[in-house]
């Protein structure tokens, strides 16, 4: 019985450590940046590692042309590329955090990142 209590205490301690690591990971991902581009770099979108858009840059020539239809095509393409890169960065960080442990829920969590 005491052995089970000791095991439970060890598991709780590991869970608390993991929670701390996840918090640190979130802070680290907030600082990381990825960039999505479209239209031969006419549109550039920067996102953080959590998938939050932090900057959009439009080529001045593109804006001067006032080609609304082209902008409507290029902006989502650049945003989607930036978000895909952010999701991959996040997934890689989670895999690194797990230290190669075989955690079935981790693969499911990472798969859910792709679903948005």
N, C-alpha and C. Protein backbone atom coordinates (compact mmCIF):
# COMPACT_ATOMS: atom_id res chain seq x y z
N UNK A 1 0.81 -1.19 0.00
CA UNK A 1 0.00 0.00 0.00
C UNK A 1 0.85 1.26 0.00
N UNK A 2 1.91 1.29 0.84
CA UNK A 2 2.77 2.47 0.90
C UNK A 2 3.55 2.65 -0.40
N UNK A 3 3.83 1.53 -1.06
CA UNK A 3 4.54 1.61 -2.34
C UNK A 3 3.66 2.33 -3.36
N UNK A 4 2.37 2.03 -3.37
CA UNK A 4 1.44 2.69 -4.29
C UNK A 4 1.34 4.18 -4.01
N UNK A 5 1.35 4.54 -2.72
CA UNK A 5 1.29 5.96 -2.35
C UNK A 5 2.56 6.66 -2.82
N UNK A 6 3.69 6.03 -2.67
CA UNK A 6 4.96 6.61 -3.13
C UNK A 6 4.95 6.78 -4.64
N UNK A 7 4.42 5.77 -5.36
CA UNK A 7 4.32 5.87 -6.82
C UNK A 7 3.41 7.02 -7.23
N UNK A 8 2.31 7.16 -6.52
CA UNK A 8 1.37 8.24 -6.82
C UNK A 8 2.03 9.60 -6.58
N UNK A 9 2.75 9.71 -5.49
CA UNK A 9 3.44 10.97 -5.18
C UNK A 9 4.47 11.30 -6.26
N UNK A 10 5.18 10.29 -6.72
CA UNK A 10 6.17 10.50 -7.79
C UNK A 10 5.48 10.93 -9.09
N UNK A 11 4.33 10.32 -9.38
CA UNK A 11 3.60 10.69 -10.59
C UNK A 11 3.08 12.12 -10.50
N UNK A 12 2.60 12.53 -9.34
CA UNK A 12 2.12 13.89 -9.15
C UNK A 12 3.26 14.90 -9.31
N UNK A 13 4.42 14.54 -8.79
CA UNK A 13 5.59 15.42 -8.92
C UNK A 13 5.98 15.56 -10.39
N UNK A 14 5.96 14.46 -11.12
CA UNK A 14 6.28 14.51 -12.55
C UNK A 14 5.26 15.35 -13.31
N UNK A 15 3.99 15.24 -12.93
CA UNK A 15 2.93 16.02 -13.58
C UNK A 15 3.14 17.51 -13.34
N UNK A 16 3.54 17.88 -12.13
CA UNK A 16 3.80 19.28 -11.83
C UNK A 16 5.00 19.79 -12.63
N UNK A 17 6.03 18.95 -12.74
CA UNK A 17 7.20 19.34 -13.53
C UNK A 17 6.82 19.53 -14.99
N UNK A 18 5.98 18.63 -15.52
CA UNK A 18 5.56 18.73 -16.91
C UNK A 18 4.74 20.00 -17.13
N UNK A 19 3.89 20.33 -16.16
CA UNK A 19 3.09 21.56 -16.27
C UNK A 19 4.01 22.77 -16.35
N UNK A 20 5.05 22.78 -15.56
CA UNK A 20 6.02 23.87 -15.59
C UNK A 20 6.74 23.93 -16.92
N UNK A 21 7.09 22.78 -17.46
CA UNK A 21 7.77 22.74 -18.77
C UNK A 21 6.84 23.22 -19.88
N UNK A 22 5.56 22.84 -19.79
CA UNK A 22 4.59 23.29 -20.80
C UNK A 22 4.42 24.80 -20.75
N UNK A 23 4.41 25.36 -19.55
CA UNK A 23 4.32 26.81 -19.41
C UNK A 23 5.53 27.50 -20.02
N UNK A 24 6.70 26.96 -19.77
CA UNK A 24 7.92 27.52 -20.35
C UNK A 24 7.91 27.37 -21.87
N UNK A 25 7.40 26.24 -22.35
CA UNK A 25 7.31 26.02 -23.79
C UNK A 25 6.40 27.06 -24.44
N UNK A 26 5.26 27.34 -23.81
CA UNK A 26 4.34 28.35 -24.34
C UNK A 26 5.03 29.71 -24.42
N UNK A 27 5.75 30.08 -23.40
CA UNK A 27 6.46 31.36 -23.40
C UNK A 27 7.52 31.39 -24.50
N UNK A 28 8.22 30.28 -24.69
CA UNK A 28 9.24 30.19 -25.73
C UNK A 28 8.61 30.30 -27.12
N UNK A 29 7.47 29.63 -27.31
CA UNK A 29 6.80 29.67 -28.61
C UNK A 29 6.27 31.08 -28.92
N UNK A 30 5.88 31.83 -27.90
CA UNK A 30 5.43 33.21 -28.12
C UNK A 30 6.54 34.06 -28.72
N UNK A 31 7.78 33.74 -28.38
CA UNK A 31 8.93 34.53 -28.84
C UNK A 31 9.43 34.12 -30.22
N UNK A 32 9.11 32.90 -30.64
CA UNK A 32 9.60 32.42 -31.93
C UNK A 32 8.74 32.97 -33.06
N UNK A 33 9.35 33.12 -34.22
CA UNK A 33 8.65 33.68 -35.38
C UNK A 33 8.80 32.79 -36.59
N UNK A 34 7.74 32.72 -37.37
CA UNK A 34 7.73 32.04 -38.67
C UNK A 34 7.13 33.02 -39.68
N UNK A 35 7.47 32.83 -40.96
CA UNK A 35 6.99 33.75 -41.99
C UNK A 35 6.37 32.96 -43.13
N UNK A 36 5.23 33.44 -43.58
CA UNK A 36 4.58 32.91 -44.77
C UNK A 36 4.61 33.98 -45.85
N UNK A 37 4.86 33.55 -47.08
CA UNK A 37 4.94 34.50 -48.19
C UNK A 37 4.09 34.01 -49.35
N UNK A 38 3.65 34.96 -50.16
CA UNK A 38 2.93 34.59 -51.38
C UNK A 38 3.16 35.66 -52.44
N UNK A 39 2.85 35.28 -53.68
CA UNK A 39 2.97 36.22 -54.79
C UNK A 39 4.38 36.73 -55.00
N UNK A 40 5.33 35.80 -55.03
CA UNK A 40 6.75 36.19 -55.20
C UNK A 40 7.15 37.23 -54.15
N UNK A 41 6.76 36.97 -52.92
CA UNK A 41 7.08 37.81 -51.76
C UNK A 41 6.39 39.17 -51.77
N UNK A 42 5.31 39.32 -52.51
CA UNK A 42 4.55 40.57 -52.49
C UNK A 42 3.79 40.72 -51.17
N UNK A 43 3.44 39.58 -50.56
CA UNK A 43 2.76 39.58 -49.26
C UNK A 43 3.57 38.71 -48.31
N UNK A 44 3.82 39.25 -47.12
CA UNK A 44 4.56 38.51 -46.11
C UNK A 44 3.77 38.59 -44.80
N UNK A 45 3.59 37.43 -44.18
CA UNK A 45 2.85 37.36 -42.91
C UNK A 45 3.74 36.68 -41.88
N UNK A 46 3.88 37.33 -40.74
CA UNK A 46 4.70 36.79 -39.65
C UNK A 46 3.78 36.35 -38.53
N UNK A 47 4.04 35.16 -38.00
CA UNK A 47 3.26 34.63 -36.88
C UNK A 47 4.23 34.17 -35.79
N UNK A 48 3.73 34.10 -34.56
CA UNK A 48 4.55 33.53 -33.50
C UNK A 48 4.35 32.01 -33.47
N UNK A 49 5.09 31.34 -32.62
CA UNK A 49 5.03 29.89 -32.55
C UNK A 49 3.71 29.33 -32.03
N UNK A 50 2.84 30.20 -31.53
CA UNK A 50 1.52 29.78 -31.08
C UNK A 50 0.47 29.98 -32.16
N UNK A 51 0.89 30.53 -33.30
CA UNK A 51 -0.04 30.71 -34.41
C UNK A 51 -0.77 32.04 -34.40
N UNK A 52 -0.27 33.00 -33.65
CA UNK A 52 -0.86 34.34 -33.63
C UNK A 52 -0.17 35.19 -34.68
N UNK A 53 -0.94 35.83 -35.56
CA UNK A 53 -0.37 36.70 -36.58
C UNK A 53 0.14 37.96 -35.88
N UNK A 54 1.40 38.31 -36.14
CA UNK A 54 1.99 39.48 -35.48
C UNK A 54 2.33 40.61 -36.45
N UNK A 55 2.40 40.28 -37.76
CA UNK A 55 2.73 41.33 -38.72
C UNK A 55 2.32 40.90 -40.11
N UNK A 56 1.84 41.85 -40.90
CA UNK A 56 1.54 41.64 -42.31
C UNK A 56 2.24 42.75 -43.08
N UNK A 57 3.00 42.38 -44.10
CA UNK A 57 3.70 43.35 -44.93
C UNK A 57 3.26 43.17 -46.37
N UNK A 58 2.86 44.29 -46.98
CA UNK A 58 2.45 44.29 -48.37
C UNK A 58 3.46 45.08 -49.19
N UNK A 59 3.84 44.57 -50.34
CA UNK A 59 4.74 45.28 -51.23
C UNK A 59 4.07 46.60 -51.64
N UNK A 60 4.79 47.72 -51.56
CA UNK A 60 4.19 49.01 -51.91
C UNK A 60 3.62 49.04 -53.33
N UNK A 61 4.29 48.39 -54.27
CA UNK A 61 3.79 48.35 -55.64
C UNK A 61 2.45 47.64 -55.74
N UNK A 62 2.28 46.62 -54.93
CA UNK A 62 1.03 45.87 -54.91
C UNK A 62 -0.11 46.76 -54.41
N UNK A 63 0.19 47.55 -53.40
CA UNK A 63 -0.82 48.45 -52.84
C UNK A 63 -1.16 49.56 -53.84
N UNK A 64 -0.14 50.09 -54.51
CA UNK A 64 -0.35 51.16 -55.49
C UNK A 64 -1.25 50.71 -56.63
N UNK A 65 -1.14 49.45 -57.02
CA UNK A 65 -1.97 48.94 -58.12
C UNK A 65 -3.44 48.82 -57.75
N UNK A 66 -3.70 48.81 -56.45
CA UNK A 66 -5.08 48.69 -55.94
C UNK A 66 -5.81 47.50 -56.55
N UNK A 67 -5.08 46.42 -56.64
CA UNK A 67 -5.66 45.19 -57.20
C UNK A 67 -6.25 44.38 -56.05
N UNK A 68 -7.48 44.72 -55.72
CA UNK A 68 -8.16 44.09 -54.58
C UNK A 68 -8.25 42.58 -54.73
N UNK A 69 -8.59 42.11 -55.91
CA UNK A 69 -8.75 40.67 -56.14
C UNK A 69 -7.44 39.93 -55.89
N UNK A 70 -6.34 40.49 -56.36
CA UNK A 70 -5.03 39.87 -56.13
C UNK A 70 -4.70 39.84 -54.64
N UNK A 71 -4.95 40.95 -53.95
CA UNK A 71 -4.72 40.99 -52.50
C UNK A 71 -5.56 39.94 -51.78
N UNK A 72 -6.81 39.79 -52.20
CA UNK A 72 -7.69 38.81 -51.57
C UNK A 72 -7.21 37.38 -51.79
N UNK A 73 -6.44 37.15 -52.83
CA UNK A 73 -5.86 35.83 -53.07
C UNK A 73 -4.55 35.64 -52.31
N UNK A 74 -3.70 36.67 -52.33
CA UNK A 74 -2.35 36.54 -51.77
C UNK A 74 -2.33 36.55 -50.24
N UNK A 75 -3.17 37.35 -49.63
CA UNK A 75 -3.13 37.45 -48.16
C UNK A 75 -3.49 36.12 -47.50
N UNK A 76 -4.60 35.47 -47.87
CA UNK A 76 -4.90 34.18 -47.23
C UNK A 76 -3.82 33.12 -47.50
N UNK A 77 -3.23 33.15 -48.69
CA UNK A 77 -2.18 32.17 -48.99
C UNK A 77 -0.99 32.36 -48.06
N UNK A 78 -0.58 33.61 -47.83
CA UNK A 78 0.55 33.88 -46.94
C UNK A 78 0.20 33.55 -45.49
N UNK A 79 -1.02 33.87 -45.08
CA UNK A 79 -1.46 33.56 -43.72
C UNK A 79 -1.47 32.05 -43.49
N UNK A 80 -2.02 31.32 -44.44
CA UNK A 80 -2.07 29.85 -44.30
C UNK A 80 -0.68 29.25 -44.23
N UNK A 81 0.25 29.77 -45.02
CA UNK A 81 1.62 29.26 -44.97
C UNK A 81 2.26 29.55 -43.61
N UNK A 82 2.07 30.75 -43.09
CA UNK A 82 2.63 31.10 -41.78
C UNK A 82 2.03 30.23 -40.68
N UNK A 83 0.73 30.01 -40.73
CA UNK A 83 0.08 29.19 -39.70
C UNK A 83 0.53 27.73 -39.77
N UNK A 84 0.72 27.22 -40.97
CA UNK A 84 1.22 25.84 -41.12
C UNK A 84 2.62 25.72 -40.51
N UNK A 85 3.45 26.71 -40.74
CA UNK A 85 4.80 26.69 -40.16
C UNK A 85 4.74 26.79 -38.63
N UNK A 86 3.83 27.61 -38.11
CA UNK A 86 3.69 27.75 -36.66
C UNK A 86 3.23 26.44 -36.04
N UNK A 87 2.28 25.76 -36.68
CA UNK A 87 1.80 24.47 -36.18
C UNK A 87 2.92 23.44 -36.17
N UNK A 88 3.74 23.44 -37.20
CA UNK A 88 4.86 22.50 -37.26
C UNK A 88 5.87 22.80 -36.15
N UNK A 89 6.14 24.09 -35.93
CA UNK A 89 7.05 24.49 -34.86
C UNK A 89 6.52 24.03 -33.51
N UNK A 90 5.22 24.21 -33.30
CA UNK A 90 4.57 23.79 -32.06
C UNK A 90 4.65 22.27 -31.89
N UNK A 91 4.35 21.53 -32.95
CA UNK A 91 4.39 20.06 -32.89
C UNK A 91 5.80 19.57 -32.59
N UNK A 92 6.79 20.16 -33.24
CA UNK A 92 8.19 19.77 -32.99
C UNK A 92 8.59 20.04 -31.55
N UNK A 93 8.14 21.18 -31.01
CA UNK A 93 8.46 21.52 -29.63
C UNK A 93 7.82 20.53 -28.66
N UNK A 94 6.58 20.11 -28.93
CA UNK A 94 5.93 19.11 -28.08
C UNK A 94 6.66 17.77 -28.14
N UNK A 95 7.08 17.39 -29.32
CA UNK A 95 7.83 16.13 -29.44
C UNK A 95 9.14 16.20 -28.66
N UNK A 96 9.84 17.34 -28.76
CA UNK A 96 11.09 17.51 -28.02
C UNK A 96 10.84 17.46 -26.52
N UNK A 97 9.74 18.09 -26.10
CA UNK A 97 9.41 18.12 -24.67
C UNK A 97 9.16 16.72 -24.13
N UNK A 98 8.56 15.86 -24.94
CA UNK A 98 8.25 14.51 -24.48
C UNK A 98 9.50 13.65 -24.35
N UNK A 99 10.60 14.11 -24.91
CA UNK A 99 11.86 13.39 -24.78
C UNK A 99 11.84 12.00 -25.37
N UNK A 100 11.06 11.81 -26.41
CA UNK A 100 11.02 10.51 -27.07
C UNK A 100 10.15 9.49 -26.37
N UNK A 101 9.41 9.92 -25.35
CA UNK A 101 8.51 8.98 -24.66
C UNK A 101 7.39 8.57 -25.60
N UNK A 102 6.95 7.37 -25.45
CA UNK A 102 5.84 6.87 -26.26
C UNK A 102 4.54 7.24 -25.57
N UNK A 103 4.01 8.39 -25.94
CA UNK A 103 2.78 8.88 -25.34
C UNK A 103 1.69 8.91 -26.40
N UNK A 104 0.77 7.97 -26.38
CA UNK A 104 -0.27 7.92 -27.41
C UNK A 104 -1.06 9.23 -27.52
N UNK A 105 -1.32 9.89 -26.40
CA UNK A 105 -2.09 11.14 -26.44
C UNK A 105 -1.31 12.25 -27.14
N UNK A 106 0.03 12.20 -27.11
CA UNK A 106 0.83 13.24 -27.73
C UNK A 106 0.61 13.24 -29.24
N UNK A 107 0.61 12.08 -29.86
CA UNK A 107 0.37 12.02 -31.30
C UNK A 107 -1.02 12.55 -31.64
N UNK A 108 -1.98 12.26 -30.79
CA UNK A 108 -3.34 12.76 -31.02
C UNK A 108 -3.39 14.28 -30.86
N UNK A 109 -2.70 14.80 -29.85
CA UNK A 109 -2.65 16.25 -29.66
C UNK A 109 -2.02 16.94 -30.86
N UNK A 110 -0.91 16.38 -31.35
CA UNK A 110 -0.22 16.96 -32.48
C UNK A 110 -1.09 16.89 -33.73
N UNK A 111 -1.81 15.80 -33.90
CA UNK A 111 -2.71 15.67 -35.05
C UNK A 111 -3.81 16.73 -34.97
N UNK A 112 -4.28 17.03 -33.76
CA UNK A 112 -5.33 18.04 -33.59
C UNK A 112 -4.83 19.44 -33.88
N UNK A 113 -3.52 19.67 -33.76
CA UNK A 113 -2.97 20.96 -34.13
C UNK A 113 -3.23 21.24 -35.60
N UNK A 114 -3.15 20.20 -36.42
CA UNK A 114 -3.36 20.36 -37.87
C UNK A 114 -4.81 20.68 -38.20
N UNK A 115 -5.71 20.34 -37.31
CA UNK A 115 -7.14 20.59 -37.58
C UNK A 115 -7.55 22.00 -37.19
N UNK A 116 -6.63 22.71 -36.54
CA UNK A 116 -6.96 24.10 -36.15
C UNK A 116 -7.61 24.10 -34.88
